[in-house]
Amino acid sequence: MAVVPDPAGVAPAAGTTRTTDGRPRPADPGRPGRSALVTTIVLALCSLTVLLPLYLTLTMAFKTPEQSVDGNGFSLPSPLNPQSFVDAWNLVGFPTAFVISALVAAASVFGVIVLGSLAAYAIARNWDRRLFRYSYYYLLAAMFIPFPVIALPQVKLTALLSLDNPVGVAVLHVLFQLSFSVLLYSAFLRSIPAELEESARLDGATTWQVFTQLIFPLLAPMNATVGIFAFLAAWNDFMMPSLITADPDLQTIPVIQQIFQSSFSTDYNVAFASYLMAMAPTIVVYVFAQRWVMSGVVRGAVK
């Protein structure tokens, strides 16, 4: 197709030519433009903020104690020292802390999914009632209250109720994650046609049967999204278990690592080995569930 000059005598814009009939023809969309190049550079620079700390953690974990304090943290370990993981497993008390963290995270995920989905279903299907509508606003307002603001009352309350242990930590995680979970579930439930529930009720299904057999299976993408957020919040949290749990032998992994680092501040290789072992479950879970996380967030936001 031949290119002809602009009939108006004006040169075409950069990246634009005209066809034989005078219509503008855009540049090849397959070629990356300047904006795409800038975006790629920005994303590459942002990825360095994640890759460089991860690289430092890997190299320090496999170094000997002498190499870890030589002042060159980015140098490759030579030779590899897997003994750091053995020392971290024994000195940090990793097995006990891992089991406690896993139980707290599992209880938090289960409680958030069950309570969040039930509360959101009740709110979404009774939105015309003032009590449910105000309950939704109340839960949203709770999202803006950080834990440090109410830390002291929570510590006293859990002590009075004998919940100054991992059980109390799991209960508080469920309560603090409930607001965000209801927000996601409510947005997703509005995309489910009410005709499906009406058909089930015509067949004689009760409200509980409609939710458990019809609605809850349709919430699978959002359940994965809410579960991942709840798991990451419970697994990586340091402040809540450090303040609530009274027994130091029942602390979670982040608290145990902080105690170890404070006591043995020069054993960087052991500390970084414990960091790497603590990160492994979250990385594995997120890699395998990231597509459900993205699909759930997009569906809840768009629909």
Protein backbone atom coordinates (compact mmCIF):
# COMPACT_ATOMS: atom_id res chain seq x y z
CA MET A 1 0.00 0.00 0.00
CA ALA A 2 1.59 3.25 -1.11
CA VAL A 3 2.05 6.23 1.15
CA VAL A 4 0.89 9.61 -0.14
CA PRO A 5 1.44 13.04 1.33
CA ASP A 6 -1.23 14.70 3.40
CA PRO A 7 -3.82 16.28 1.03
CA ALA A 8 -4.02 19.27 3.37
CA GLY A 9 -0.33 19.86 2.93
CA VAL A 10 0.41 19.13 6.59
CA ALA A 11 3.00 16.53 7.45
CA PRO A 12 1.58 13.50 9.28
CA ALA A 13 2.26 13.14 12.97
CA ALA A 14 5.22 11.16 14.15
CA GLY A 15 4.60 7.42 13.87
CA THR A 16 1.62 7.98 11.52
CA THR A 17 1.42 7.62 7.73
CA ARG A 18 -1.49 7.89 5.29
CA THR A 19 -2.90 5.31 2.97
CA THR A 20 -3.81 5.89 -0.72
CA ASP A 21 -7.31 7.03 0.22
CA GLY A 22 -5.99 9.69 2.60
CA ARG A 23 -6.83 7.95 5.88
CA PRO A 24 -4.17 7.97 8.62
CA ARG A 25 -2.44 4.68 9.19
CA PRO A 26 -0.95 4.15 12.67
CA ALA A 27 2.50 2.74 13.20
CA ASP A 28 3.03 -0.98 13.65
CA PRO A 29 1.48 -1.91 17.02
CA GLY A 30 3.99 -4.72 17.41
CA ARG A 31 6.85 -2.26 17.84
CA PRO A 32 7.34 -1.07 21.40
CA GLY A 33 6.93 2.66 21.79
CA ARG A 34 8.71 5.04 24.10
CA SER A 35 6.08 4.65 26.84
CA ALA A 36 6.47 0.86 26.76
CA LEU A 37 10.24 1.22 27.05
CA VAL A 38 9.93 3.58 30.01
CA THR A 39 7.47 1.21 31.69
CA THR A 40 9.85 -1.71 31.19
CA ILE A 41 12.74 0.23 32.72
CA VAL A 42 10.65 1.28 35.71
CA LEU A 43 9.46 -2.27 36.30
CA ALA A 44 13.02 -3.57 36.01
CA LEU A 45 14.22 -1.06 38.60
CA CYS A 46 11.33 -1.93 40.90
CA SER A 47 12.10 -5.63 40.59
CA LEU A 48 15.62 -4.94 41.83
CA THR A 49 14.18 -3.88 45.18
CA VAL A 50 12.94 -7.46 45.58
CA LEU A 51 15.66 -9.41 43.80
CA LEU A 52 18.63 -7.76 45.52
CA PRO A 53 17.44 -8.51 49.10
CA LEU A 54 16.57 -12.05 48.02
CA TYR A 55 20.03 -12.48 46.49
CA LEU A 56 21.64 -11.14 49.67
CA THR A 57 19.60 -13.56 51.78
CA LEU A 58 20.63 -16.53 49.64
CA THR A 59 24.32 -15.68 49.63
CA MET A 60 24.49 -14.92 53.35
CA ALA A 61 22.64 -18.11 54.27
CA PHE A 62 25.25 -20.30 52.53
CA LYS A 63 28.30 -18.46 53.86
CA THR A 64 30.57 -19.45 56.72
CA PRO A 65 30.58 -17.30 59.89
CA GLU A 66 33.85 -15.70 58.77
CA GLN A 67 32.53 -14.84 55.31
CA SER A 68 29.32 -13.36 56.72
CA VAL A 69 31.23 -10.65 58.61
CA ASP A 70 33.87 -9.81 55.99
CA GLY A 71 31.92 -6.72 54.90
CA ASN A 72 31.12 -7.99 51.38
CA GLY A 73 27.55 -9.23 51.60
CA PHE A 74 27.00 -9.56 47.84
CA SER A 75 29.97 -11.87 47.24
CA LEU A 76 29.23 -15.49 46.38
CA PRO A 77 29.83 -18.04 49.14
CA SER A 78 32.91 -20.15 48.56
CA PRO A 79 32.61 -22.89 49.61
CA LEU A 80 28.89 -23.41 50.22
CA ASN A 81 28.04 -23.84 53.90
CA PRO A 82 24.72 -25.68 54.40
CA GLN A 83 25.56 -26.00 58.09
CA SER A 84 23.89 -22.61 58.60
CA PHE A 85 20.47 -24.21 58.03
CA VAL A 86 21.24 -26.97 60.53
CA ASP A 87 22.30 -24.41 63.13
CA ALA A 88 19.22 -22.30 62.46
CA TRP A 89 17.00 -25.35 62.80
CA ASN A 90 18.45 -26.12 66.23
CA LEU A 91 19.45 -22.76 67.73
CA VAL A 92 16.41 -20.74 66.70
CA GLY A 93 13.96 -23.42 67.77
CA PHE A 94 12.57 -23.50 64.27
CA PRO A 95 10.46 -26.72 64.43
CA THR A 96 8.32 -25.53 67.36
CA ALA A 97 7.97 -22.00 66.00
CA PHE A 98 7.11 -23.37 62.55
CA VAL A 99 4.30 -25.56 63.92
CA ILE A 100 2.87 -22.69 65.97
CA SER A 101 3.02 -20.29 63.01
CA ALA A 102 1.40 -22.88 60.74
CA LEU A 103 -1.44 -23.52 63.21
CA VAL A 104 -2.06 -19.80 63.75
CA ALA A 105 -2.05 -19.16 59.99
CA ALA A 106 -4.35 -22.12 59.26
CA ALA A 107 -6.82 -21.07 61.96
CA SER A 108 -6.75 -17.49 60.68
CA VAL A 109 -7.39 -18.55 57.08
CA PHE A 110 -10.25 -20.86 58.08
CA GLY A 111 -11.89 -18.31 60.36
CA VAL A 112 -11.57 -15.43 57.89
CA ILE A 113 -13.01 -17.42 54.98
CA VAL A 114 -15.95 -18.81 56.94
CA LEU A 115 -16.91 -15.70 58.90
CA GLY A 116 -16.10 -13.28 56.08
CA SER A 117 -18.17 -15.14 53.49
CA LEU A 118 -21.14 -15.54 55.85
CA ALA A 119 -21.10 -11.89 56.91
CA ALA A 120 -20.70 -10.63 53.35
CA TYR A 121 -23.53 -12.86 52.10
CA ALA A 122 -25.87 -11.56 54.79
CA ILE A 123 -24.92 -7.95 54.05
CA ALA A 124 -25.12 -8.26 50.26
CA ARG A 125 -28.51 -9.95 50.28
CA ASN A 126 -30.02 -7.60 52.90
CA TRP A 127 -28.54 -4.33 51.70
CA ASP A 128 -31.92 -2.58 51.78
CA ARG A 129 -32.08 -3.09 55.56
CA ARG A 130 -30.46 -0.37 57.61
CA LEU A 131 -28.86 -2.69 60.18
CA PHE A 132 -26.91 -4.65 57.57
CA ARG A 133 -25.93 -1.55 55.64
CA TYR A 134 -24.60 0.16 58.76
CA SER A 135 -22.80 -3.03 59.75
CA TYR A 136 -20.94 -2.89 56.44
CA TYR A 137 -19.92 0.72 57.07
CA TYR A 138 -18.82 -0.20 60.59
CA LEU A 139 -16.57 -2.96 59.26
CA LEU A 140 -15.09 -0.63 56.66
CA ALA A 141 -14.34 1.96 59.35
CA ALA A 142 -12.47 -0.69 61.33
CA MET A 143 -9.98 -1.01 58.46
CA PHE A 144 -8.59 2.43 59.31
CA ILE A 145 -7.75 1.54 62.92
CA PRO A 146 -4.19 0.15 63.13
CA PHE A 147 -3.32 -2.45 65.72
CA PRO A 148 -0.78 -0.29 67.64
CA VAL A 149 -3.57 2.16 68.50
CA ILE A 150 -5.56 -0.48 70.38
CA ALA A 151 -2.64 -2.71 71.37
CA LEU A 152 -2.80 -2.00 75.11
CA PRO A 153 -6.55 -2.76 75.49
CA GLN A 154 -6.11 -5.93 73.46
CA VAL A 155 -3.23 -7.10 75.65
CA LYS A 156 -5.26 -6.55 78.82
CA LEU A 157 -8.39 -8.14 77.38
CA THR A 158 -6.62 -11.29 76.16
CA ALA A 159 -4.90 -11.64 79.54
CA LEU A 160 -8.23 -11.41 81.39
CA LEU A 161 -9.77 -14.03 79.08
CA SER A 162 -6.71 -16.32 79.30
CA LEU A 163 -6.09 -15.85 75.59
CA ASP A 164 -2.49 -14.64 75.95
CA ASN A 165 -1.35 -17.54 73.76
CA PRO A 166 -1.39 -18.54 70.06
CA VAL A 167 -5.15 -19.12 70.27
CA GLY A 168 -5.71 -15.48 71.14
CA VAL A 169 -3.35 -14.42 68.36
CA ALA A 170 -5.36 -16.45 65.83
CA VAL A 171 -8.65 -14.97 67.08
CA LEU A 172 -7.31 -11.42 66.76
CA HIS A 173 -6.01 -12.12 63.27
CA VAL A 174 -9.48 -13.28 62.22
CA LEU A 175 -11.08 -10.16 63.68
CA PHE A 176 -8.61 -7.75 62.10
CA GLN A 177 -8.84 -9.42 58.67
CA LEU A 178 -12.63 -9.56 58.71
CA SER A 179 -13.16 -6.00 57.46
CA PHE A 180 -11.05 -6.36 54.33
CA SER A 181 -12.47 -9.82 53.64
CA VAL A 182 -16.07 -8.61 53.85
CA LEU A 183 -15.20 -5.80 51.44
CA LEU A 184 -13.87 -8.29 48.86
CA TYR A 185 -16.65 -10.81 49.35
CA SER A 186 -19.39 -8.17 49.10
CA ALA A 187 -18.05 -6.85 45.80
CA PHE A 188 -17.89 -10.38 44.40
CA LEU A 189 -21.35 -11.39 45.64
CA ARG A 190 -22.96 -8.50 43.79
CA SER A 191 -21.83 -10.10 40.53
CA ILE A 192 -23.73 -13.33 41.25
CA PRO A 193 -27.28 -13.17 39.79
CA ALA A 194 -30.03 -13.37 42.37
CA GLU A 195 -32.01 -15.56 39.94
CA LEU A 196 -29.76 -18.49 40.82
CA GLU A 197 -30.82 -18.31 44.45
CA GLU A 198 -34.48 -17.86 43.52
CA SER A 199 -34.35 -21.01 41.41
CA ALA A 200 -32.82 -22.95 44.28
CA ARG A 201 -35.45 -21.68 46.71
CA LEU A 202 -38.22 -22.73 44.31
CA ASP A 203 -36.75 -26.23 44.47
CA GLY A 204 -37.15 -26.18 48.25
CA ALA A 205 -33.63 -25.21 49.33
CA THR A 206 -33.18 -23.39 52.62
CA THR A 207 -30.98 -20.35 53.09
CA TRP A 208 -28.19 -22.50 54.54
CA GLN A 209 -28.41 -24.92 51.63
CA VAL A 210 -28.35 -22.06 49.13
CA PHE A 211 -25.19 -20.68 50.69
CA THR A 212 -23.30 -23.94 51.22
CA GLN A 213 -24.28 -25.71 48.00
CA LEU A 214 -24.63 -22.82 45.56
CA ILE A 215 -23.00 -19.58 46.70
CA PHE A 216 -19.91 -20.85 48.53
CA PRO A 217 -18.67 -22.97 45.58
CA LEU A 218 -19.03 -19.90 43.33
CA LEU A 219 -16.82 -17.97 45.76
CA ALA A 220 -13.81 -20.20 45.05
CA PRO A 221 -11.66 -17.48 43.38
CA MET A 222 -12.41 -15.02 46.16
CA ASN A 223 -11.82 -17.68 48.81
CA ALA A 224 -8.34 -18.17 47.42
CA THR A 225 -7.72 -14.42 47.40
CA VAL A 226 -8.93 -13.91 50.96
CA GLY A 227 -7.07 -17.00 52.13
CA ILE A 228 -3.76 -15.82 50.70
CA PHE A 229 -4.06 -12.39 52.28
CA ALA A 230 -5.01 -13.91 55.63
CA PHE A 231 -2.14 -16.40 55.46
CA LEU A 232 0.46 -13.75 54.66
CA ALA A 233 -0.83 -11.45 57.39
CA ALA A 234 -0.75 -14.18 60.03
CA TRP A 235 2.55 -15.75 58.96
CA ASN A 236 4.56 -12.53 58.72
CA ASP A 237 3.09 -10.69 61.70
CA PHE A 238 5.52 -9.76 64.45
CA MET A 239 3.84 -7.15 66.64
CA MET A 240 0.67 -9.01 67.59
CA PRO A 241 2.21 -12.31 68.80
CA SER A 242 5.07 -10.50 70.53
CA LEU A 243 2.59 -8.46 72.58
CA ILE A 244 -0.16 -11.04 73.13
CA THR A 245 1.72 -14.30 73.74
CA ALA A 246 3.08 -14.45 77.28
CA ASP A 247 5.06 -17.69 77.02
CA PRO A 248 8.29 -17.17 75.00
CA ASP A 249 8.32 -20.88 74.10
CA LEU A 250 5.02 -20.45 72.19
CA GLN A 251 6.10 -17.61 69.95
CA THR A 252 5.84 -17.59 66.17
CA ILE A 253 8.72 -17.56 63.71
CA PRO A 254 9.13 -13.75 63.34
CA VAL A 255 9.35 -13.29 67.12
CA ILE A 256 11.76 -16.21 67.56
CA GLN A 257 14.00 -14.79 64.85
CA GLN A 258 14.04 -11.38 66.52
CA ILE A 259 14.95 -12.94 69.87
CA PHE A 260 17.75 -14.92 68.25
CA GLN A 261 19.11 -11.91 66.37
CA SER A 262 19.13 -9.86 69.55
CA SER A 263 21.00 -12.58 71.46
CA PHE A 264 23.46 -13.61 68.73
CA SER A 265 23.81 -10.51 66.61
CA THR A 266 27.03 -11.67 64.87
CA ASP A 267 25.70 -14.98 63.53
CA TYR A 268 24.45 -13.43 60.32
CA ASN A 269 24.65 -16.64 58.32
CA VAL A 270 22.42 -18.49 60.80
CA ALA A 271 19.99 -15.57 60.98
CA PHE A 272 19.68 -15.33 57.20
CA ALA A 273 19.26 -19.09 56.93
CA SER A 274 16.33 -18.88 59.33
CA TYR A 275 14.91 -15.97 57.31
CA LEU A 276 15.10 -18.04 54.15
CA MET A 277 13.36 -21.00 55.76
CA ALA A 278 10.65 -18.70 57.08
CA MET A 279 10.11 -17.14 53.64
CA ALA A 280 9.90 -20.48 51.83
CA PRO A 281 6.26 -21.33 52.75
CA THR A 282 4.95 -17.89 51.76
CA ILE A 283 6.80 -17.95 48.44
CA VAL A 284 5.56 -21.45 47.61
CA VAL A 285 1.96 -20.65 48.55
CA TYR A 286 1.90 -17.40 46.60
CA VAL A 287 3.52 -18.88 43.47
CA PHE A 288 0.93 -21.63 43.27
CA ALA A 289 -2.05 -19.41 44.14
CA GLN A 290 -1.21 -16.11 42.45
CA ARG A 291 -3.54 -16.67 39.49
CA TRP A 292 -6.50 -17.14 41.85
CA VAL A 293 -5.46 -14.05 43.79
CA MET A 294 -5.40 -11.86 40.68
CA SER A 295 -8.62 -13.29 39.24
CA GLY A 296 -10.44 -12.84 42.52
CA VAL A 297 -9.33 -9.23 42.96
CA VAL A 298 -10.18 -8.34 39.35
CA ARG A 299 -13.60 -9.98 39.46
CA GLY A 300 -14.46 -8.35 42.76
CA ALA A 301 -13.37 -4.92 41.54
CA VAL A 302 -14.80 -4.93 38.01
CA LYS A 303 -18.07 -6.78 38.43
